[in-house]
Amino acid sequence: MAHFYLDDSLAAQLAGADAPLGAIVRLTGPDARHAVTVSRVRPGEHLRLGDGAGLIVEGEVVESSAQEVVLRVEHVERAPEPSPRIVLVQALAKGDRDELAIQAATELGVDAIVPWQAARSVSRWDAAKAEKGRARWATIVREASKQAIRPRVPEVAPLATTAAIARLAASATVLVLDPLAEHPLTALDAGALGDRDVVLVVGPEGGVAPEELAALVAAGARGMRLGRTVLRTSTAGPAAIAVLSAALGRW
């Protein structure tokens, strides 16, 4: 399998070429250094580059150094944005459980991630921590996308409140994962979803607070359960994404 790296300038590089096949593109910065010093990529090998927005090229390495890897394009893919999108609203959790959740969710195909300051979240992002925390999540998601060779890197939204999550129900199908819910996620009629985003809401270690669940349901969200056991906040979201991916025909 060809190594995979991300470069946001890839589309612009191809736009300046007479034709995509045979074009020369360049990987620079930390990814170039990683390719040469860690993955030991050398001229004659094949490499994949993506721009994180649906474009992936594959080609032969013609030059390599810690500053720049030069690639001659042999194949081009353009992946459309999926519809409906799967969005994970992940409550902040103690330790690294929320980070484990978003890493696995990215590998399993989530399309966007929203960090949520839930009432029962032990971890708290104040104003000073919010952007730093979002940036860390974005880095985790980007690295997981490279590992999974994903054409599109999921967006990580700014920290959201319960009220902001409730407002999503006006334009999306919002599903709150609740072990006490009447209906299992496997009973969801995927054919009736249309092109509305599917938003999965995952609570923290103590679960979604009753007042939060009531506010979300009042806005149009539905409670759904996963099996008969209670999953950790780090595993509930990825498990639900796997179920939805199968139901939506992605797998």
Foldseek 3Di string as FASTA:
>chain_A
DAAEDEDQCVVVQCVPDPHLQQGKDKDFDQVLLCCCVPVVDDFQGKHWYANQQFKIFIFTFHHGDNGMTMGGTHDITGGDDDFQAEEEAAEAAPDCLSLLQLLLQLLLHHAAYEYEPAPPHPDDQDPVRFVVVQVVSQVSQNVSCSVNVPNHRHYYDTYDYLVVVLVLQVQAAEEEEDLPFDAALLPDQLVPRGRGHYYYYFYYQVTHDPVSVVSNVVSPYGYHYHPNDDDHSSVPNSVSSNSVCVNNVVD
